[in-house]
Protein backbone atom coordinates (compact mmCIF):
# COMPACT_ATOMS: atom_id res chain seq x y z
CA MET A 1 137.99 148.35 1.28
CA SER A 2 140.03 150.66 3.50
CA GLN A 3 143.02 149.45 5.44
CA ASP A 4 141.23 150.41 8.66
CA ALA A 5 138.27 148.14 7.78
CA ILE A 6 140.64 145.26 7.08
CA ARG A 7 142.32 145.71 10.41
CA TYR A 8 139.13 145.97 12.45
CA ASP A 9 139.58 143.99 15.65
CA ALA A 10 138.78 144.14 19.39
CA SER A 11 141.04 147.22 19.80
CA HIS A 12 138.56 149.25 17.84
CA LEU A 13 135.71 148.58 20.33
CA GLU A 14 134.91 151.20 22.85
CA VAL A 15 133.87 149.87 26.21
CA LEU A 16 132.53 152.45 28.66
CA GLU A 17 131.88 152.26 32.39
CA TRP A 18 128.29 152.81 33.22
CA TRP A 19 128.85 156.40 34.46
CA GLU A 20 130.89 157.20 31.39
CA ALA A 21 128.05 156.10 29.06
CA ILE A 22 125.63 158.26 30.95
CA ARG A 23 127.84 161.34 30.94
CA LYS A 24 128.68 160.93 27.29
CA ARG A 25 125.01 161.05 26.23
CA PRO A 26 123.15 162.53 29.14
CA GLY A 27 120.04 163.35 27.04
CA MET A 28 119.41 159.73 26.42
CA TYR A 29 118.83 159.26 30.10
CA VAL A 30 117.24 162.42 31.42
CA GLY A 31 115.78 163.91 28.34
CA SER A 32 117.96 166.96 27.88
CA THR A 33 120.88 168.88 29.32
CA GLY A 34 118.64 171.88 29.98
CA GLU A 35 115.99 172.51 32.59
CA ARG A 36 114.01 169.38 31.76
CA GLY A 37 116.97 167.20 32.41
CA LEU A 38 117.99 169.10 35.52
CA HIS A 39 114.51 168.53 37.08
CA GLN A 40 114.63 164.87 36.07
CA LEU A 41 117.61 164.40 38.31
CA VAL A 42 115.41 165.33 41.25
CA PHE A 43 112.67 162.96 40.27
CA GLU A 44 115.11 160.01 39.71
CA VAL A 45 116.08 160.27 43.43
CA ALA A 46 112.77 161.42 44.75
CA GLY A 47 111.05 158.37 43.21
CA LEU A 48 112.96 156.13 45.56
CA ALA A 49 111.57 158.08 48.57
CA VAL A 50 108.05 158.33 47.27
CA ASN A 51 107.84 154.61 46.82
CA GLU A 52 109.10 154.02 50.36
CA VAL A 53 106.02 155.85 51.40
CA LEU A 54 103.72 154.03 49.03
CA ALA A 55 105.09 150.76 50.38
CA GLY A 56 104.30 151.74 53.89
CA ARG A 57 107.92 151.89 54.97
CA ALA A 58 108.03 155.70 55.41
CA SER A 59 105.54 158.40 56.19
CA SER A 60 106.99 161.44 54.40
CA VAL A 61 109.35 162.75 51.79
CA ASP A 62 111.35 165.96 52.27
CA VAL A 63 113.02 167.76 49.26
CA THR A 64 115.27 170.80 49.88
CA LEU A 65 116.92 173.15 47.44
CA THR A 66 120.03 174.25 49.26
CA PRO A 67 121.74 177.70 49.08
CA ASP A 68 124.84 176.21 47.47
CA GLY A 69 122.96 174.85 44.49
CA GLY A 70 122.53 171.36 45.89
CA VAL A 71 119.33 169.18 46.17
CA ARG A 72 118.54 167.09 49.24
CA VAL A 73 116.02 164.30 49.24
CA ALA A 74 115.23 162.55 52.53
CA ASP A 75 112.76 159.95 53.79
CA ASP A 76 112.00 158.63 57.23
CA GLY A 77 111.95 154.93 56.28
CA PRO A 78 114.03 152.08 57.67
CA GLY A 79 117.09 153.16 55.59
CA VAL A 80 118.55 151.56 52.49
CA PRO A 81 120.43 148.34 53.43
CA VAL A 82 124.21 148.88 53.27
CA GLU A 83 125.26 145.22 53.67
CA ALA A 84 125.99 143.05 50.67
CA ALA A 85 122.78 141.87 48.96
CA GLY A 86 122.61 138.71 46.83
CA ASP A 87 124.46 138.92 43.54
CA THR A 88 124.75 142.72 43.37
CA GLY A 89 128.45 142.55 43.72
CA GLY A 90 128.52 145.17 46.44
CA PRO A 91 126.72 146.89 49.22
CA SER A 92 122.89 147.57 48.52
CA LEU A 93 123.49 151.22 48.78
CA GLU A 94 126.26 151.16 46.35
CA ALA A 95 124.23 149.04 43.96
CA LEU A 96 121.34 151.57 44.18
CA LEU A 97 123.70 154.44 43.18
CA THR A 98 125.77 152.67 40.55
CA ARG A 99 123.58 150.16 38.92
CA PRO A 100 120.86 151.11 36.35
CA HIS A 101 117.33 149.84 37.25
CA ALA A 102 118.35 149.05 40.82
CA GLY A 103 115.63 149.70 43.52
CA ALA A 104 113.66 148.42 46.38
CA GLY A 105 111.67 145.88 44.27
CA LEU A 106 108.40 147.81 44.47
CA GLY A 107 106.76 148.05 41.09
CA GLY A 108 103.62 147.92 39.08
CA ARG A 109 100.47 149.56 40.40
CA HIS A 110 102.03 150.03 43.81
CA ALA A 111 104.70 152.43 42.63
CA ALA A 112 104.84 155.96 41.38
CA ALA A 113 106.83 155.84 38.06
CA MET A 114 108.98 158.94 38.34
CA SER A 115 112.04 157.73 36.46
CA LEU A 116 112.14 158.66 32.83
CA PHE A 117 113.48 155.37 31.59
CA GLY A 118 113.51 153.32 34.74
CA MET A 119 117.20 154.00 35.47
CA GLY A 120 116.81 155.29 39.07
CA PRO A 121 119.27 157.31 41.28
CA CYS A 122 122.47 156.08 39.38
CA VAL A 123 121.62 158.61 36.70
CA THR A 124 121.65 161.48 39.08
CA ASN A 125 124.83 160.15 40.62
CA ALA A 126 126.57 160.05 37.27
CA LEU A 127 125.45 163.55 36.31
CA SER A 128 126.42 165.18 39.58
CA SER A 129 129.68 166.77 40.35
CA HIS A 130 129.32 165.38 43.94
CA LEU A 131 126.84 163.21 45.80
CA THR A 132 126.63 162.31 49.47
CA ALA A 133 124.38 159.37 50.63
CA GLU A 134 123.46 159.18 54.36
CA VAL A 135 121.64 156.24 55.84
CA GLY A 136 120.26 155.88 59.32
CA ARG A 137 119.66 152.11 59.88
CA GLU A 138 119.32 150.02 63.01
CA GLY A 139 120.91 152.72 65.10
CA VAL A 140 123.90 153.28 62.95
CA ARG A 141 124.60 156.21 60.70
CA TRP A 142 126.38 155.39 57.41
CA VAL A 143 127.90 157.91 54.88
CA GLN A 144 129.15 157.39 51.38
CA GLU A 145 130.69 160.02 48.98
CA TYR A 146 130.68 160.04 45.22
CA LYS A 147 132.27 162.21 42.57
CA ARG A 148 130.74 162.17 39.05
CA GLY A 149 129.48 158.58 39.68
CA VAL A 150 132.64 157.16 41.19
CA ALA A 151 132.63 156.09 44.79
CA LEU A 152 135.29 157.93 46.77
CA THR A 153 134.81 155.60 49.81
CA PRO A 154 132.76 152.52 50.69
CA PRO A 155 129.74 153.05 52.90
CA THR A 156 131.25 154.02 56.27
CA ALA A 157 129.75 153.81 59.77
CA VAL A 158 130.32 157.28 61.31
CA GLY A 159 128.43 156.88 64.66
CA PRO A 160 125.01 156.43 66.05
CA ALA A 161 121.88 157.46 64.14
CA THR A 162 119.33 159.72 65.78
CA GLY A 163 116.62 158.21 63.56
CA SER A 164 116.12 156.07 60.48
CA GLY A 165 115.91 156.99 56.81
CA THR A 166 117.83 157.65 53.67
CA THR A 167 119.18 161.13 52.66
CA ILE A 168 120.79 161.77 49.25
CA THR A 169 122.28 165.21 48.62
CA TYR A 170 123.75 165.97 45.25
CA TRP A 171 125.05 168.95 43.18
CA PRO A 172 124.22 168.90 39.43
CA ASP A 173 127.42 168.97 37.25
CA THR A 174 127.62 172.38 35.64
CA ASP A 175 129.94 170.98 33.05
CA ILE A 176 126.92 169.05 31.67
CA PHE A 177 123.80 171.18 32.43
CA GLY A 178 123.20 174.67 30.96
CA THR A 179 121.84 175.76 34.36
CA ALA A 180 122.11 174.21 37.78
CA LYS A 181 119.21 176.26 39.27
CA CYS A 182 116.24 174.20 39.77
CA SER A 183 112.75 175.84 39.42
CA PHE A 184 110.69 175.71 42.58
CA ALA A 185 107.48 175.99 40.53
CA VAL A 186 108.29 173.12 38.24
CA LEU A 187 109.11 170.80 41.08
CA ALA A 188 106.05 171.97 43.13
CA GLU A 189 103.76 171.18 40.33
CA ARG A 190 105.05 167.61 39.94
CA PHE A 191 105.02 166.96 43.73
CA ARG A 192 101.49 168.39 44.06
CA GLU A 193 100.33 166.09 41.24
CA LEU A 194 101.89 163.06 43.08
CA ALA A 195 100.19 163.99 46.32
CA PHE A 196 96.79 164.31 44.60
CA LEU A 197 97.12 160.97 42.82
CA ASN A 198 98.36 159.01 45.91
CA GLN A 199 96.16 159.48 48.99
CA GLY A 200 98.31 159.58 52.14
CA LEU A 201 101.45 160.65 50.42
CA SER A 202 103.05 163.64 52.10
CA ILE A 203 105.83 165.60 50.32
CA SER A 204 107.48 168.78 51.50
CA LEU A 205 109.47 171.11 49.24
CA THR A 206 111.67 173.78 50.75
CA ASP A 207 113.67 176.38 49.00
CA GLU A 208 116.53 177.62 51.10
CA ARG A 209 117.99 179.86 48.39
CA PRO A 210 115.97 183.07 48.82
CA PRO A 211 118.09 185.63 50.88
CA GLY A 212 115.00 186.56 52.93
CA GLY A 213 114.50 183.03 54.37
CA SER A 214 113.46 179.57 53.35
CA ARG A 215 110.25 178.96 51.38
CA PRO A 216 108.48 175.76 52.60
CA SER A 217 105.49 174.04 51.00
CA ARG A 218 103.91 170.70 51.93
CA PHE A 219 101.63 168.68 49.69
CA ARG A 220 99.16 166.16 51.10
CA PHE A 221 95.58 165.67 49.85
CA PRO A 222 93.36 163.15 51.65
CA GLY A 223 90.68 163.58 49.08
CA GLY A 224 92.89 162.36 46.22
CA THR A 225 91.58 162.97 42.75
CA ARG A 226 88.43 164.62 44.20
CA ASP A 227 90.70 167.31 45.60
CA PHE A 228 92.64 167.41 42.31
CA VAL A 229 89.37 168.37 40.36
CA ALA A 230 88.54 170.94 43.00
CA PHE A 231 91.97 172.42 42.67
CA LEU A 232 91.79 172.60 38.77
CA ASP A 233 88.35 174.20 39.07
CA ALA A 234 89.28 176.82 41.66
CA ARG A 235 89.58 179.55 39.11
CA ALA A 236 87.33 178.05 36.35
CA GLY A 237 84.01 179.61 37.08
CA ALA A 238 80.81 178.43 38.76
CA PRO A 239 80.16 174.69 38.60
CA VAL A 240 76.87 173.29 37.10
CA HIS A 241 76.68 170.95 40.08
CA PRO A 242 78.39 171.43 43.48
CA ASP A 243 79.57 167.84 43.99
CA VAL A 244 82.73 166.39 42.56
CA ILE A 245 81.84 162.93 41.33
CA ALA A 246 84.57 160.52 42.35
CA PHE A 247 85.15 156.84 42.55
CA GLU A 248 87.79 154.10 42.56
CA ARG A 249 87.61 150.52 41.26
CA GLU A 250 89.91 147.58 41.06
CA ASP A 251 89.56 145.33 37.93
CA PRO A 252 91.54 142.10 37.56
CA GLN A 253 90.81 142.13 33.77
CA MET A 254 93.23 145.07 33.41
CA ALA A 255 95.35 143.99 36.41
CA GLY A 256 94.96 147.36 38.07
CA THR A 257 92.82 150.19 39.47
CA VAL A 258 91.01 153.17 38.01
CA GLU A 259 90.34 156.26 39.89
CA VAL A 260 88.18 159.04 38.36
CA ALA A 261 86.90 162.40 39.49
CA LEU A 262 84.86 164.81 37.35
CA ARG A 263 82.62 167.88 37.46
CA TRP A 264 80.92 170.03 34.88
CA ARG A 265 81.30 173.81 34.95
CA GLY A 266 79.41 176.61 33.23
CA SER A 267 82.21 177.32 30.78
CA ARG A 268 82.85 175.70 27.42
CA GLU A 269 86.37 174.56 28.15
CA LYS A 270 87.12 170.89 28.49
CA ARG A 271 89.96 169.79 30.70
CA VAL A 272 90.79 166.05 31.20
CA ARG A 273 94.06 165.19 32.76
CA SER A 274 95.09 161.51 32.59
CA PHE A 275 97.73 159.53 34.31
CA ALA A 276 99.13 155.98 34.25
CA ASN A 277 100.99 154.84 37.35
CA SER A 278 101.23 158.53 38.36
CA VAL A 279 102.82 159.49 34.97
CA LEU A 280 101.08 162.22 33.08
CA THR A 281 99.85 160.99 29.70
CA PRO A 282 99.44 164.17 27.77
CA ASP A 283 98.38 162.33 24.58
CA GLY A 284 95.80 160.26 26.46
CA GLY A 285 95.33 156.64 25.40
CA THR A 286 93.05 153.74 26.17
CA HIS A 287 92.29 155.06 29.68
CA THR A 288 90.91 158.38 28.34
CA MET A 289 89.09 156.63 25.49
CA GLY A 290 87.39 154.41 28.01
CA PHE A 291 86.58 157.43 30.18
CA HIS A 292 84.83 159.19 27.31
CA ASP A 293 83.03 156.11 26.29
CA GLY A 294 81.67 155.61 29.75
CA VAL A 295 80.54 159.17 30.23
CA ALA A 296 78.77 159.27 26.92
CA ALA A 297 77.04 155.98 27.58
CA ALA A 298 75.88 156.94 31.06
CA VAL A 299 74.63 160.44 30.08
CA THR A 300 72.96 159.06 26.93
CA TYR A 301 71.15 156.38 28.86
CA TYR A 302 69.98 158.76 31.56
CA ALA A 303 68.78 161.29 28.86
CA ARG A 304 66.74 158.53 27.16
CA GLN A 305 65.26 157.24 30.36
CA ARG A 306 64.03 160.84 31.18
CA ARG A 307 62.86 161.45 27.63
CA LEU A 308 65.34 164.27 27.23
CA LEU A 309 66.35 162.61 23.92
CA THR A 310 63.74 161.41 21.46
CA ALA A 311 63.80 158.03 19.65
CA THR A 312 65.17 159.75 16.61
CA ASP A 313 67.94 161.64 18.35
CA PRO A 314 71.43 160.06 17.97
CA ASP A 315 73.40 159.01 21.01
CA LEU A 316 75.48 161.73 22.67
CA GLY A 317 79.08 161.75 21.52
CA THR A 318 82.28 162.45 23.31
CA ASP A 319 82.49 166.01 21.93
CA GLN A 320 79.16 166.88 23.18
CA ILE A 321 79.49 165.53 26.85
CA GLY A 322 82.87 167.29 27.18
CA GLU A 323 81.89 170.87 27.16
CA GLY A 324 82.68 172.46 30.60
CA LEU A 325 83.98 169.13 31.87
CA THR A 326 86.92 168.95 34.27
CA ALA A 327 88.18 165.34 34.98
CA VAL A 328 91.09 163.39 36.36
CA VAL A 329 91.52 159.86 35.09
CA SER A 330 94.21 157.80 36.90
CA VAL A 331 94.93 154.15 36.26
CA LYS A 332 97.50 152.08 38.19
CA LEU A 333 98.44 148.99 36.44
CA ASP A 334 100.77 146.00 37.10
CA GLY A 335 102.11 146.17 33.54
CA PRO A 336 101.33 149.46 31.81
CA GLU A 337 101.76 149.39 28.05
CA PHE A 338 103.08 152.81 27.03
CA LEU A 339 103.35 153.70 23.47
CA GLY A 340 106.69 155.29 22.92
CA ALA A 341 109.65 155.84 25.22
CA THR A 342 108.37 159.08 26.68
CA HIS A 343 105.22 157.47 28.07
CA GLY A 344 102.93 160.08 26.47
CA THR A 345 100.17 157.54 25.44
CA LEU A 346 98.83 154.59 27.24
CA GLY A 347 97.94 151.36 25.25
CA GLY A 348 96.21 148.10 26.28
CA ALA A 349 92.84 147.16 24.94
CA ALA A 350 91.61 145.75 28.25
CA VAL A 351 92.15 149.17 29.83
CA ARG A 352 89.63 150.91 27.56
CA ALA A 353 86.88 148.33 28.27
CA CYS A 354 87.39 148.29 31.97
CA VAL A 355 87.46 152.01 32.46
CA ALA A 356 84.42 152.53 30.29
CA SER A 357 82.52 149.92 32.28
CA ALA A 358 83.49 151.49 35.61
CA VAL A 359 82.61 155.03 34.53
CA ARG A 360 79.32 153.98 33.01
CA GLU A 361 78.29 152.24 36.18
CA HIS A 362 79.42 154.79 38.70
CA LEU A 363 78.35 157.95 36.87
CA GLY A 364 75.02 156.24 36.03
CA ALA A 365 74.45 155.60 39.67
CA TRP A 366 75.37 159.22 40.63
CA LEU A 367 72.88 160.58 38.07
CA GLU A 368 70.11 158.34 39.43
CA GLY A 369 70.95 159.29 43.00
CA HIS A 370 71.22 163.03 42.45
CA PRO A 371 68.14 163.96 40.28
CA GLU A 372 68.40 167.69 40.66
CA GLN A 373 72.10 167.90 39.80
CA ALA A 374 71.63 165.32 37.14
CA ALA A 375 68.91 167.42 35.48
CA ALA A 376 71.22 170.44 35.42
CA VAL A 377 74.07 168.43 33.88
CA VAL A 378 72.23 166.40 31.32
CA GLY A 379 69.79 169.14 30.43
CA ARG A 380 72.65 171.49 29.64
CA ILE A 381 74.41 168.83 27.46
CA VAL A 382 71.18 168.09 25.49
CA ARG A 383 70.40 171.79 24.99
CA GLY A 384 73.93 172.29 23.68
CA THR A 385 73.60 169.57 21.12
CA ARG A 386 70.53 171.20 19.74
CA GLN A 387 71.91 174.61 19.55
CA ASN A 388 74.85 173.27 17.57
């Protein structure tokens, strides 16, 4: 045994401050030190503002890419409290920006999960060369400055506020990230997704960096997932039926809600996008399994009732009903069971059964109520199975 091992004592232990731990291993907290991690900084802060809107405390979120490489995220809510709160050990604003997993207490199905590992704005603070927090609350404007996660001043009242809300402006630390230039397209895609998945949510994204002037976009879709499917289908060829089939159902057995929109097109391509608590699940999971189960059951039942399938024909499978299908499947759960840290797959046995039941019932009712469109959809599917 070496002398160092024999002498091992408390002096050998490394104790890091929270910001030091994040800065030492940034990829553990935002995924990478490349473009993915750079954009995750935006989402960690924007998640706070988005959830203020979903909680009914704010009406809009404004994200701005500034000419000097900064990012500004603002909401028009009541403003983050700045007074001491419970056992946080400091002002609420300071706790939000310096304590992992701190937030407004909104969670489960009522929140959009934008944080990669649930850390929140403190990750962005630690990985920024500079951060400024401004709060308009109860007629007073408060400001606090940070440098690489360390507070330079306590929250300071600087005068009257013209309105209410919270604004966080930060500059990514170029000592950590390979690039500090955010992609407008990447951010726009994610914010557009969020607006589709959360009816009533309004998000603006403005790029002030172009020399010719600012580039503003606003995302708000009253039709929710119905609008999402129409957007995905915009360049995908003629639909088999004009209507986008859409519904939403709450089910206590899975402690959440399911929202589905779908339409068949004349092409062979199948496109099903799935989400859990507004997080894209690229590898699917129990919600997509339930969706396919429900569609196959509803279409098979309708085909047998109309004698489009004979008694000897097997039930239609998920591969057969998926040709030309565009769909969005979104579940919002109180306690989502993600498989793996990256949230790529959703688990939970109850979710599959609940989604399948909802899809079977609602799609079945639509087929019964729209005989001409149903004949086009189901007839095409049955013909396709016999040609194969």
